[in-house]
């Protein structure tokens, strides 16, 4: 973590939550929810 940020890509954040992800603002980690609402590779790229 002295050099890298981290991105995790998975399914839903939680039950009933279909937002595209969650992240630490100004810190080094984020999660992208590649759930049923993501239909294309371009959408995943933008997320």
ModelCIF file with pLDDT and N, C-alpha, C, O atoms, coordinates in Angstrom:
data_MODEL
#
_entry.id   MODEL 
#
_entity.id                         1 
_entity.type                       polymer 
_entity.pdbx_number_of_molecules   1 
#
_entity_poly.entity_id                      1 
_entity_poly.type                           'polypeptide(L)' 
_entity_poly.nstd_linkage                   no 
_entity_poly.nstd_monomer                   no 
_entity_poly.pdbx_seq_one_letter_code       
;(UNK)(UNK)(UNK)(UNK)(UNK)(UNK)(UNK)(UNK)(UNK)(UNK)(UNK)(UNK)(UNK)(UNK)(UNK)(UNK)
(UNK)(UNK)(UNK)(UNK)(UNK)(UNK)(UNK)(UNK)(UNK)(UNK)(UNK)(UNK)(UNK)(UNK)(UNK)(UNK)
(UNK)(UNK)(UNK)(UNK)(UNK)(UNK)(UNK)(UNK)(UNK)(UNK)(UNK)(UNK)(UNK)(UNK)(UNK)
;
_entity_poly.pdbx_seq_one_letter_code_can   XXXXXXXXXXXXXXXXXXXXXXXXXXXXXXXXXXXXXXXXXXXXXXX 
_entity_poly.pdbx_strand_id                 A 
#
loop_
_entity_poly_seq.entity_id 
_entity_poly_seq.num 
_entity_poly_seq.mon_id 
_entity_poly_seq.hetero 
1 1  UNK n 
1 2  UNK n 
1 3  UNK n 
1 4  UNK n 
1 5  UNK n 
1 6  UNK n 
1 7  UNK n 
1 8  UNK n 
1 9  UNK n 
1 10 UNK n 
1 11 UNK n 
1 12 UNK n 
1 13 UNK n 
1 14 UNK n 
1 15 UNK n 
1 16 UNK n 
1 17 UNK n 
1 18 UNK n 
1 19 UNK n 
1 20 UNK n 
1 21 UNK n 
1 22 UNK n 
1 23 UNK n 
1 24 UNK n 
1 25 UNK n 
1 26 UNK n 
1 27 UNK n 
1 28 UNK n 
1 29 UNK n 
1 30 UNK n 
1 31 UNK n 
1 32 UNK n 
1 33 UNK n 
1 34 UNK n 
1 35 UNK n 
1 36 UNK n 
1 37 UNK n 
1 38 UNK n 
1 39 UNK n 
1 40 UNK n 
1 41 UNK n 
1 42 UNK n 
1 43 UNK n 
1 44 UNK n 
1 45 UNK n 
1 46 UNK n 
1 47 UNK n 
#
_struct_asym.id          A 
_struct_asym.entity_id   1 
#
loop_
_ma_qa_metric.id 
_ma_qa_metric.mode 
_ma_qa_metric.name 
_ma_qa_metric.software_group_id 
_ma_qa_metric.type 
1 global pLDDT . pLDDT 
2 local  pLDDT . pLDDT 
#
_ma_qa_metric_global.metric_id      1 
_ma_qa_metric_global.metric_value   94.45 
_ma_qa_metric_global.model_id       1 
_ma_qa_metric_global.ordinal_id     1 
#
loop_
_ma_qa_metric_local.label_asym_id 
_ma_qa_metric_local.label_comp_id 
_ma_qa_metric_local.label_seq_id 
_ma_qa_metric_local.metric_id 
_ma_qa_metric_local.metric_value 
_ma_qa_metric_local.model_id 
_ma_qa_metric_local.ordinal_id 
A UNK 1  2 96.00 1 1  
A UNK 2  2 96.00 1 2  
A UNK 3  2 96.00 1 3  
A UNK 4  2 97.00 1 4  
A UNK 5  2 97.00 1 5  
A UNK 6  2 98.00 1 6  
A UNK 7  2 97.00 1 7  
A UNK 8  2 98.00 1 8  
A UNK 9  2 97.00 1 9  
A UNK 10 2 96.00 1 10 
A UNK 11 2 96.00 1 11 
A UNK 12 2 94.00 1 12 
A UNK 13 2 94.00 1 13 
A UNK 14 2 94.00 1 14 
A UNK 15 2 92.00 1 15 
A UNK 16 2 90.00 1 16 
A UNK 17 2 90.00 1 17 
A UNK 18 2 89.00 1 18 
A UNK 19 2 91.00 1 19 
A UNK 20 2 92.00 1 20 
A UNK 21 2 96.00 1 21 
A UNK 22 2 95.00 1 22 
A UNK 23 2 95.00 1 23 
A UNK 24 2 93.00 1 24 
A UNK 25 2 92.00 1 25 
A UNK 26 2 88.00 1 26 
A UNK 27 2 92.00 1 27 
A UNK 28 2 94.00 1 28 
A UNK 29 2 96.00 1 29 
A UNK 30 2 97.00 1 30 
A UNK 31 2 97.00 1 31 
A UNK 32 2 97.00 1 32 
A UNK 33 2 95.00 1 33 
A UNK 34 2 95.00 1 34 
A UNK 35 2 91.00 1 35 
A UNK 36 2 89.00 1 36 
A UNK 37 2 89.00 1 37 
A UNK 38 2 93.00 1 38 
A UNK 39 2 91.00 1 39 
A UNK 40 2 95.00 1 40 
A UNK 41 2 96.00 1 41 
A UNK 42 2 97.00 1 42 
A UNK 43 2 97.00 1 43 
A UNK 44 2 97.00 1 44 
A UNK 45 2 98.00 1 45 
A UNK 46 2 97.00 1 46 
A UNK 47 2 97.00 1 47 
#
loop_
_atom_site.group_PDB 
_atom_site.id 
_atom_site.type_symbol 
_atom_site.label_atom_id 
_atom_site.label_alt_id 
_atom_site.label_comp_id 
_atom_site.label_asym_id 
_atom_site.label_entity_id 
_atom_site.label_seq_id 
_atom_site.pdbx_PDB_ins_code 
_atom_site.Cartn_x 
_atom_site.Cartn_y 
_atom_site.Cartn_z 
_atom_site.occupancy 
_atom_site.B_iso_or_equiv 
_atom_site.pdbx_formal_charge 
_atom_site.auth_seq_id 
_atom_site.auth_comp_id 
_atom_site.auth_asym_id 
_atom_site.auth_atom_id 
_atom_site.pdbx_PDB_model_num 
ATOM 1   N N  . UNK A 1 1  ? 0.831   -1.211 0.000   1.00 96.00 ? 1  UNK A N  1 
ATOM 2   C CA . UNK A 1 1  ? 0.000   0.000  0.000   1.00 96.00 ? 1  UNK A CA 1 
ATOM 3   C C  . UNK A 1 1  ? 0.863   1.257  0.000   1.00 96.00 ? 1  UNK A C  1 
ATOM 4   O O  . UNK A 1 1  ? 0.343   2.362  -0.155  1.00 96.00 ? 1  UNK A O  1 
ATOM 5   N N  . UNK A 1 2  ? 2.174   1.101  0.171   1.00 96.00 ? 2  UNK A N  1 
ATOM 6   C CA . UNK A 1 2  ? 3.085   2.228  0.019   1.00 96.00 ? 2  UNK A CA 1 
ATOM 7   C C  . UNK A 1 2  ? 3.128   2.741  -1.422  1.00 96.00 ? 2  UNK A C  1 
ATOM 8   O O  . UNK A 1 2  ? 3.592   3.853  -1.674  1.00 96.00 ? 2  UNK A O  1 
ATOM 9   N N  . UNK A 1 3  ? 2.651   1.939  -2.356  1.00 96.00 ? 3  UNK A N  1 
ATOM 10  C CA . UNK A 1 3  ? 2.634   2.373  -3.754  1.00 96.00 ? 3  UNK A CA 1 
ATOM 11  C C  . UNK A 1 3  ? 1.282   2.164  -4.419  1.00 96.00 ? 3  UNK A C  1 
ATOM 12  O O  . UNK A 1 3  ? 0.876   2.963  -5.262  1.00 96.00 ? 3  UNK A O  1 
ATOM 13  N N  . UNK A 1 4  ? 0.577   1.090  -4.046  1.00 97.00 ? 4  UNK A N  1 
ATOM 14  C CA . UNK A 1 4  ? -0.635  0.693  -4.762  1.00 97.00 ? 4  UNK A CA 1 
ATOM 15  C C  . UNK A 1 4  ? -1.906  1.120  -4.051  1.00 97.00 ? 4  UNK A C  1 
ATOM 16  O O  . UNK A 1 4  ? -1.982  1.101  -2.823  1.00 97.00 ? 4  UNK A O  1 
ATOM 17  N N  . UNK A 1 5  ? -2.903  1.506  -4.838  1.00 97.00 ? 5  UNK A N  1 
ATOM 18  C CA . UNK A 1 5  ? -4.283  1.529  -4.401  1.00 97.00 ? 5  UNK A CA 1 
ATOM 19  C C  . UNK A 1 5  ? -4.908  0.170  -4.718  1.00 97.00 ? 5  UNK A C  1 
ATOM 20  O O  . UNK A 1 5  ? -4.356  -0.616 -5.488  1.00 97.00 ? 5  UNK A O  1 
ATOM 21  N N  . UNK A 1 6  ? -6.070  -0.092 -4.111  1.00 98.00 ? 6  UNK A N  1 
ATOM 22  C CA . UNK A 1 6  ? -6.733  -1.382 -4.280  1.00 98.00 ? 6  UNK A CA 1 
ATOM 23  C C  . UNK A 1 6  ? -8.154  -1.198 -4.788  1.00 98.00 ? 6  UNK A C  1 
ATOM 24  O O  . UNK A 1 6  ? -8.904  -0.368 -4.276  1.00 98.00 ? 6  UNK A O  1 
ATOM 25  N N  . UNK A 1 7  ? -8.516  -1.979 -5.796  1.00 97.00 ? 7  UNK A N  1 
ATOM 26  C CA . UNK A 1 7  ? -9.894  -2.032 -6.253  1.00 97.00 ? 7  UNK A CA 1 
ATOM 27  C C  . UNK A 1 7  ? -10.395 -3.464 -6.209  1.00 97.00 ? 7  UNK A C  1 
ATOM 28  O O  . UNK A 1 7  ? -9.766  -4.360 -6.772  1.00 97.00 ? 7  UNK A O  1 
ATOM 29  N N  . UNK A 1 8  ? -11.526 -3.688 -5.544  1.00 98.00 ? 8  UNK A N  1 
ATOM 30  C CA . UNK A 1 8  ? -12.170 -5.002 -5.499  1.00 98.00 ? 8  UNK A CA 1 
ATOM 31  C C  . UNK A 1 8  ? -13.424 -4.946 -6.363  1.00 98.00 ? 8  UNK A C  1 
ATOM 32  O O  . UNK A 1 8  ? -14.200 -3.995 -6.271  1.00 98.00 ? 8  UNK A O  1 
ATOM 33  N N  . UNK A 1 9  ? -13.623 -5.949 -7.193  1.00 97.00 ? 9  UNK A N  1 
ATOM 34  C CA . UNK A 1 9  ? -14.816 -6.013 -8.045  1.00 97.00 ? 9  UNK A CA 1 
ATOM 35  C C  . UNK A 1 9  ? -15.606 -7.253 -7.661  1.00 97.00 ? 9  UNK A C  1 
ATOM 36  O O  . UNK A 1 9  ? -15.059 -8.355 -7.623  1.00 97.00 ? 9  UNK A O  1 
ATOM 37  N N  . UNK A 1 10 ? -16.885 -7.077 -7.378  1.00 96.00 ? 10 UNK A N  1 
ATOM 38  C CA . UNK A 1 10 ? -17.695 -8.212 -6.955  1.00 96.00 ? 10 UNK A CA 1 
ATOM 39  C C  . UNK A 1 10 ? -19.163 -8.024 -7.297  1.00 96.00 ? 10 UNK A C  1 
ATOM 40  O O  . UNK A 1 10 ? -19.518 -7.301 -8.228  1.00 96.00 ? 10 UNK A O  1 
ATOM 41  N N  . UNK A 1 11 ? -19.998 -8.686 -6.528  1.00 96.00 ? 11 UNK A N  1 
ATOM 42  C CA . UNK A 1 11 ? -21.441 -8.636 -6.758  1.00 96.00 ? 11 UNK A CA 1 
ATOM 43  C C  . UNK A 1 11 ? -22.024 -7.458 -5.980  1.00 96.00 ? 11 UNK A C  1 
ATOM 44  O O  . UNK A 1 11 ? -21.404 -6.395 -5.947  1.00 96.00 ? 11 UNK A O  1 
ATOM 45  N N  . UNK A 1 12 ? -23.168 -7.604 -5.364  1.00 94.00 ? 12 UNK A N  1 
ATOM 46  C CA . UNK A 1 12 ? -23.832 -6.496 -4.679  1.00 94.00 ? 12 UNK A CA 1 
ATOM 47  C C  . UNK A 1 12 ? -23.074 -6.072 -3.422  1.00 94.00 ? 12 UNK A C  1 
ATOM 48  O O  . UNK A 1 12 ? -22.344 -6.851 -2.809  1.00 94.00 ? 12 UNK A O  1 
ATOM 49  N N  . UNK A 1 13 ? -23.279 -4.809 -3.066  1.00 94.00 ? 13 UNK A N  1 
ATOM 50  C CA . UNK A 1 13 ? -22.726 -4.305 -1.820  1.00 94.00 ? 13 UNK A CA 1 
ATOM 51  C C  . UNK A 1 13 ? -23.408 -4.978 -0.641  1.00 94.00 ? 13 UNK A C  1 
ATOM 52  O O  . UNK A 1 13 ? -22.745 -5.479 0.268   1.00 94.00 ? 13 UNK A O  1 
ATOM 53  N N  . UNK A 1 14 ? -24.718 -4.987 -0.660  1.00 94.00 ? 14 UNK A N  1 
ATOM 54  C CA . UNK A 1 14 ? -25.495 -5.616 0.408   1.00 94.00 ? 14 UNK A CA 1 
ATOM 55  C C  . UNK A 1 14 ? -26.894 -5.913 -0.132  1.00 94.00 ? 14 UNK A C  1 
ATOM 56  O O  . UNK A 1 14 ? -27.242 -5.505 -1.241  1.00 94.00 ? 14 UNK A O  1 
ATOM 57  N N  . UNK A 1 15 ? -27.669 -6.609 0.644   1.00 92.00 ? 15 UNK A N  1 
ATOM 58  C CA . UNK A 1 15 ? -29.027 -6.970 0.237   1.00 92.00 ? 15 UNK A CA 1 
ATOM 59  C C  . UNK A 1 15 ? -29.845 -5.711 -0.064  1.00 92.00 ? 15 UNK A C  1 
ATOM 60  O O  . UNK A 1 15 ? -29.930 -4.809 0.769   1.00 92.00 ? 15 UNK A O  1 
ATOM 61  N N  . UNK A 1 16 ? -30.444 -5.655 -1.252  1.00 90.00 ? 16 UNK A N  1 
ATOM 62  C CA . UNK A 1 16 ? -31.266 -4.515 -1.631  1.00 90.00 ? 16 UNK A CA 1 
ATOM 63  C C  . UNK A 1 16 ? -30.496 -3.294 -2.091  1.00 90.00 ? 16 UNK A C  1 
ATOM 64  O O  . UNK A 1 16 ? -31.100 -2.280 -2.439  1.00 90.00 ? 16 UNK A O  1 
ATOM 65  N N  . UNK A 1 17 ? -29.161 -3.371 -2.099  1.00 90.00 ? 17 UNK A N  1 
ATOM 66  C CA . UNK A 1 17 ? -28.323 -2.233 -2.493  1.00 90.00 ? 17 UNK A CA 1 
ATOM 67  C C  . UNK A 1 17 ? -27.771 -2.489 -3.892  1.00 90.00 ? 17 UNK A C  1 
ATOM 68  O O  . UNK A 1 17 ? -26.968 -3.399 -4.098  1.00 90.00 ? 17 UNK A O  1 
ATOM 69  N N  . UNK A 1 18 ? -28.210 -1.680 -4.843  1.00 89.00 ? 18 UNK A N  1 
ATOM 70  C CA . UNK A 1 18 ? -27.756 -1.851 -6.219  1.00 89.00 ? 18 UNK A CA 1 
ATOM 71  C C  . UNK A 1 18 ? -26.913 -0.674 -6.699  1.00 89.00 ? 18 UNK A C  1 
ATOM 72  O O  . UNK A 1 18 ? -26.790 -0.450 -7.903  1.00 89.00 ? 18 UNK A O  1 
ATOM 73  N N  . UNK A 1 19 ? -26.330 0.084  -5.762  1.00 91.00 ? 19 UNK A N  1 
ATOM 74  C CA . UNK A 1 19 ? -25.409 1.133  -6.169  1.00 91.00 ? 19 UNK A CA 1 
ATOM 75  C C  . UNK A 1 19 ? -24.157 0.499  -6.768  1.00 91.00 ? 19 UNK A C  1 
ATOM 76  O O  . UNK A 1 19 ? -23.891 -0.686 -6.568  1.00 91.00 ? 19 UNK A O  1 
ATOM 77  N N  . UNK A 1 20 ? -23.397 1.299  -7.501  1.00 92.00 ? 20 UNK A N  1 
ATOM 78  C CA . UNK A 1 20 ? -22.301 0.742  -8.291  1.00 92.00 ? 20 UNK A CA 1 
ATOM 79  C C  . UNK A 1 20 ? -21.018 0.549  -7.505  1.00 92.00 ? 20 UNK A C  1 
ATOM 80  O O  . UNK A 1 20 ? -20.062 -0.016 -8.037  1.00 92.00 ? 20 UNK A O  1 
ATOM 81  N N  . UNK A 1 21 ? -20.960 0.997  -6.259  1.00 96.00 ? 21 UNK A N  1 
ATOM 82  C CA . UNK A 1 21 ? -19.735 0.780  -5.508  1.00 96.00 ? 21 UNK A CA 1 
ATOM 83  C C  . UNK A 1 21 ? -19.648 1.641  -4.271  1.00 96.00 ? 21 UNK A C  1 
ATOM 84  O O  . UNK A 1 21 ? -20.569 2.381  -3.929  1.00 96.00 ? 21 UNK A O  1 
ATOM 85  N N  . UNK A 1 22 ? -18.509 1.521  -3.612  1.00 95.00 ? 22 UNK A N  1 
ATOM 86  C CA . UNK A 1 22 ? -18.238 2.288  -2.404  1.00 95.00 ? 22 UNK A CA 1 
ATOM 87  C C  . UNK A 1 22 ? -16.726 2.477  -2.324  1.00 95.00 ? 22 UNK A C  1 
ATOM 88  O O  . UNK A 1 22 ? -15.966 1.606  -2.748  1.00 95.00 ? 22 UNK A O  1 
ATOM 89  N N  . UNK A 1 23 ? -16.292 3.608  -1.782  1.00 95.00 ? 23 UNK A N  1 
ATOM 90  C CA . UNK A 1 23 ? -14.862 3.898  -1.762  1.00 95.00 ? 23 UNK A CA 1 
ATOM 91  C C  . UNK A 1 23 ? -14.513 4.776  -0.568  1.00 95.00 ? 23 UNK A C  1 
ATOM 92  O O  . UNK A 1 23 ? -15.371 5.451  0.000   1.00 95.00 ? 23 UNK A O  1 
ATOM 93  N N  . UNK A 1 24 ? -13.243 4.752  -0.203  1.00 93.00 ? 24 UNK A N  1 
ATOM 94  C CA . UNK A 1 24 ? -12.707 5.662  0.801   1.00 93.00 ? 24 UNK A CA 1 
ATOM 95  C C  . UNK A 1 24 ? -12.198 6.906  0.083   1.00 93.00 ? 24 UNK A C  1 
ATOM 96  O O  . UNK A 1 24 ? -11.286 6.819  -0.739  1.00 93.00 ? 24 UNK A O  1 
ATOM 97  N N  . UNK A 1 25 ? -12.777 8.053  0.387   1.00 92.00 ? 25 UNK A N  1 
ATOM 98  C CA . UNK A 1 25 ? -12.363 9.295  -0.258  1.00 92.00 ? 25 UNK A CA 1 
ATOM 99  C C  . UNK A 1 25 ? -10.994 9.706  0.272   1.00 92.00 ? 25 UNK A C  1 
ATOM 100 O O  . UNK A 1 25 ? -10.812 9.893  1.475   1.00 92.00 ? 25 UNK A O  1 
ATOM 101 N N  . UNK A 1 26 ? -10.032 9.846  -0.643  1.00 88.00 ? 26 UNK A N  1 
ATOM 102 C CA . UNK A 1 26 ? -8.699  10.258 -0.234  1.00 88.00 ? 26 UNK A CA 1 
ATOM 103 C C  . UNK A 1 26 ? -7.898  9.168  0.434   1.00 88.00 ? 26 UNK A C  1 
ATOM 104 O O  . UNK A 1 26 ? -6.843  9.446  1.005   1.00 88.00 ? 26 UNK A O  1 
ATOM 105 N N  . UNK A 1 27 ? -8.365  7.929  0.381   1.00 92.00 ? 27 UNK A N  1 
ATOM 106 C CA . UNK A 1 27 ? -7.571  6.818  0.901   1.00 92.00 ? 27 UNK A CA 1 
ATOM 107 C C  . UNK A 1 27 ? -7.409  5.803  -0.237  1.00 92.00 ? 27 UNK A C  1 
ATOM 108 O O  . UNK A 1 27 ? -7.607  6.158  -1.399  1.00 92.00 ? 27 UNK A O  1 
ATOM 109 N N  . UNK A 1 28 ? -7.058  4.570  0.064   1.00 94.00 ? 28 UNK A N  1 
ATOM 110 C CA . UNK A 1 28 ? -6.498  3.695  -0.959  1.00 94.00 ? 28 UNK A CA 1 
ATOM 111 C C  . UNK A 1 28 ? -7.339  2.494  -1.367  1.00 94.00 ? 28 UNK A C  1 
ATOM 112 O O  . UNK A 1 28 ? -6.781  1.550  -1.925  1.00 94.00 ? 28 UNK A O  1 
ATOM 113 N N  . UNK A 1 29 ? -8.630  2.471  -1.127  1.00 96.00 ? 29 UNK A N  1 
ATOM 114 C CA . UNK A 1 29 ? -9.408  1.284  -1.486  1.00 96.00 ? 29 UNK A CA 1 
ATOM 115 C C  . UNK A 1 29 ? -10.802 1.653  -1.971  1.00 96.00 ? 29 UNK A C  1 
ATOM 116 O O  . UNK A 1 29 ? -11.408 2.625  -1.521  1.00 96.00 ? 29 UNK A O  1 
ATOM 117 N N  . UNK A 1 30 ? -11.297 0.830  -2.921  1.00 97.00 ? 30 UNK A N  1 
ATOM 118 C CA . UNK A 1 30 ? -12.670 0.987  -3.392  1.00 97.00 ? 30 UNK A CA 1 
ATOM 119 C C  . UNK A 1 30 ? -13.214 -0.374 -3.799  1.00 97.00 ? 30 UNK A C  1 
ATOM 120 O O  . UNK A 1 30 ? -12.464 -1.314 -4.059  1.00 97.00 ? 30 UNK A O  1 
ATOM 121 N N  . UNK A 1 31 ? -14.537 -0.453 -3.847  1.00 97.00 ? 31 UNK A N  1 
ATOM 122 C CA . UNK A 1 31 ? -15.238 -1.660 -4.275  1.00 97.00 ? 31 UNK A CA 1 
ATOM 123 C C  . UNK A 1 31 ? -16.179 -1.294 -5.412  1.00 97.00 ? 31 UNK A C  1 
ATOM 124 O O  . UNK A 1 31 ? -16.908 -0.306 -5.320  1.00 97.00 ? 31 UNK A O  1 
ATOM 125 N N  . UNK A 1 32 ? -16.170 -2.078 -6.478  1.00 97.00 ? 32 UNK A N  1 
ATOM 126 C CA . UNK A 1 32 ? -17.084 -1.879 -7.596  1.00 97.00 ? 32 UNK A CA 1 
ATOM 127 C C  . UNK A 1 32 ? -18.076 -3.035 -7.622  1.00 97.00 ? 32 UNK A C  1 
ATOM 128 O O  . UNK A 1 32 ? -17.683 -4.201 -7.633  1.00 97.00 ? 32 UNK A O  1 
ATOM 129 N N  . UNK A 1 33 ? -19.360 -2.705 -7.631  1.00 95.00 ? 33 UNK A N  1 
ATOM 130 C CA . UNK A 1 33 ? -20.411 -3.715 -7.630  1.00 95.00 ? 33 UNK A CA 1 
ATOM 131 C C  . UNK A 1 33 ? -20.798 -4.049 -9.070  1.00 95.00 ? 33 UNK A C  1 
ATOM 132 O O  . UNK A 1 33 ? -21.603 -3.353 -9.689  1.00 95.00 ? 33 UNK A O  1 
ATOM 133 N N  . UNK A 1 34 ? -20.213 -5.117 -9.584  1.00 95.00 ? 34 UNK A N  1 
ATOM 134 C CA . UNK A 1 34 ? -20.540 -5.585 -10.936 1.00 95.00 ? 34 UNK A CA 1 
ATOM 135 C C  . UNK A 1 34 ? -21.770 -6.480 -10.834 1.00 95.00 ? 34 UNK A C  1 
ATOM 136 O O  . UNK A 1 34 ? -21.720 -7.680 -11.103 1.00 95.00 ? 34 UNK A O  1 
ATOM 137 N N  . UNK A 1 35 ? -22.873 -5.855 -10.437 1.00 91.00 ? 35 UNK A N  1 
ATOM 138 C CA . UNK A 1 35 ? -24.103 -6.603 -10.166 1.00 91.00 ? 35 UNK A CA 1 
ATOM 139 C C  . UNK A 1 35 ? -24.979 -6.666 -11.417 1.00 91.00 ? 35 UNK A C  1 
ATOM 140 O O  . UNK A 1 35 ? -24.535 -6.344 -12.519 1.00 91.00 ? 35 UNK A O  1 
ATOM 141 N N  . UNK A 1 36 ? -26.222 -7.082 -11.227 1.00 89.00 ? 36 UNK A N  1 
ATOM 142 C CA . UNK A 1 36 ? -27.122 -7.261 -12.371 1.00 89.00 ? 36 UNK A CA 1 
ATOM 143 C C  . UNK A 1 36 ? -27.457 -5.956 -13.082 1.00 89.00 ? 36 UNK A C  1 
ATOM 144 O O  . UNK A 1 36 ? -27.995 -5.973 -14.189 1.00 89.00 ? 36 UNK A O  1 
ATOM 145 N N  . UNK A 1 37 ? -27.141 -4.817 -12.450 1.00 89.00 ? 37 UNK A N  1 
ATOM 146 C CA . UNK A 1 37 ? -27.427 -3.536 -13.079 1.00 89.00 ? 37 UNK A CA 1 
ATOM 147 C C  . UNK A 1 37 ? -26.339 -3.123 -14.071 1.00 89.00 ? 37 UNK A C  1 
ATOM 148 O O  . UNK A 1 37 ? -26.530 -2.193 -14.855 1.00 89.00 ? 37 UNK A O  1 
ATOM 149 N N  . UNK A 1 38 ? -25.202 -3.813 -14.035 1.00 93.00 ? 38 UNK A N  1 
ATOM 150 C CA . UNK A 1 38 ? -24.111 -3.542 -14.972 1.00 93.00 ? 38 UNK A CA 1 
ATOM 151 C C  . UNK A 1 38 ? -24.279 -4.470 -16.166 1.00 93.00 ? 38 UNK A C  1 
ATOM 152 O O  . UNK A 1 38 ? -24.143 -5.687 -16.037 1.00 93.00 ? 38 UNK A O  1 
ATOM 153 N N  . UNK A 1 39 ? -24.574 -3.898 -17.325 1.00 91.00 ? 39 UNK A N  1 
ATOM 154 C CA . UNK A 1 39 ? -24.897 -4.703 -18.505 1.00 91.00 ? 39 UNK A CA 1 
ATOM 155 C C  . UNK A 1 39 ? -23.755 -4.832 -19.506 1.00 91.00 ? 39 UNK A C  1 
ATOM 156 O O  . UNK A 1 39 ? -23.708 -5.798 -20.269 1.00 91.00 ? 39 UNK A O  1 
ATOM 157 N N  . UNK A 1 40 ? -22.835 -3.871 -19.511 1.00 95.00 ? 40 UNK A N  1 
ATOM 158 C CA . UNK A 1 40 ? -21.789 -3.872 -20.530 1.00 95.00 ? 40 UNK A CA 1 
ATOM 159 C C  . UNK A 1 40 ? -20.417 -3.665 -19.902 1.00 95.00 ? 40 UNK A C  1 
ATOM 160 O O  . UNK A 1 40 ? -20.294 -3.215 -18.763 1.00 95.00 ? 40 UNK A O  1 
ATOM 161 N N  . UNK A 1 41 ? -19.388 -4.007 -20.679 1.00 96.00 ? 41 UNK A N  1 
ATOM 162 C CA . UNK A 1 41 ? -18.033 -3.800 -20.212 1.00 96.00 ? 41 UNK A CA 1 
ATOM 163 C C  . UNK A 1 41 ? -17.720 -2.311 -20.074 1.00 96.00 ? 41 UNK A C  1 
ATOM 164 O O  . UNK A 1 41 ? -16.934 -1.916 -19.212 1.00 96.00 ? 41 UNK A O  1 
ATOM 165 N N  . UNK A 1 42 ? -18.327 -1.497 -20.911 1.00 97.00 ? 42 UNK A N  1 
ATOM 166 C CA . UNK A 1 42 ? -18.113 -0.053 -20.818 1.00 97.00 ? 42 UNK A CA 1 
ATOM 167 C C  . UNK A 1 42 ? -18.695 0.502  -19.525 1.00 97.00 ? 42 UNK A C  1 
ATOM 168 O O  . UNK A 1 42 ? -18.110 1.401  -18.921 1.00 97.00 ? 42 UNK A O  1 
ATOM 169 N N  . UNK A 1 43 ? -19.837 -0.021 -19.095 1.00 97.00 ? 43 UNK A N  1 
ATOM 170 C CA . UNK A 1 43 ? -20.411 0.417  -17.822 1.00 97.00 ? 43 UNK A CA 1 
ATOM 171 C C  . UNK A 1 43 ? -19.504 0.036  -16.654 1.00 97.00 ? 43 UNK A C  1 
ATOM 172 O O  . UNK A 1 43 ? -19.313 0.824  -15.728 1.00 97.00 ? 43 UNK A O  1 
ATOM 173 N N  . UNK A 1 44 ? -18.950 -1.169 -16.703 1.00 97.00 ? 44 UNK A N  1 
ATOM 174 C CA . UNK A 1 44 ? -18.018 -1.579 -15.649 1.00 97.00 ? 44 UNK A CA 1 
ATOM 175 C C  . UNK A 1 44 ? -16.782 -0.695 -15.658 1.00 97.00 ? 44 UNK A C  1 
ATOM 176 O O  . UNK A 1 44 ? -16.287 -0.298 -14.603 1.00 97.00 ? 44 UNK A O  1 
ATOM 177 N N  . UNK A 1 45 ? -16.290 -0.390 -16.839 1.00 98.00 ? 45 UNK A N  1 
ATOM 178 C CA . UNK A 1 45 ? -15.139 0.516  -16.967 1.00 98.00 ? 45 UNK A CA 1 
ATOM 179 C C  . UNK A 1 45 ? -15.422 1.856  -16.307 1.00 98.00 ? 45 UNK A C  1 
ATOM 180 O O  . UNK A 1 45 ? -14.599 2.362  -15.544 1.00 98.00 ? 45 UNK A O  1 
ATOM 181 N N  . UNK A 1 46 ? -16.589 2.435  -16.598 1.00 97.00 ? 46 UNK A N  1 
ATOM 182 C CA . UNK A 1 46 ? -16.936 3.734  -16.018 1.00 97.00 ? 46 UNK A CA 1 
ATOM 183 C C  . UNK A 1 46 ? -17.122 3.650  -14.520 1.00 97.00 ? 46 UNK A C  1 
ATOM 184 O O  . UNK A 1 46 ? -16.773 4.582  -13.797 1.00 97.00 ? 46 UNK A O  1 
ATOM 185 N N  . UNK A 1 47 ? -17.677 2.527  -14.037 1.00 97.00 ? 47 UNK A N  1 
ATOM 186 C CA . UNK A 1 47 ? -17.848 2.359  -12.591 1.00 97.00 ? 47 UNK A CA 1 
ATOM 187 C C  . UNK A 1 47 ? -16.499 2.278  -11.892 1.00 97.00 ? 47 UNK A C  1 
ATOM 188 O O  . UNK A 1 47 ? -16.444 2.136  -10.670 1.00 97.00 ? 47 UNK A O  1 
#
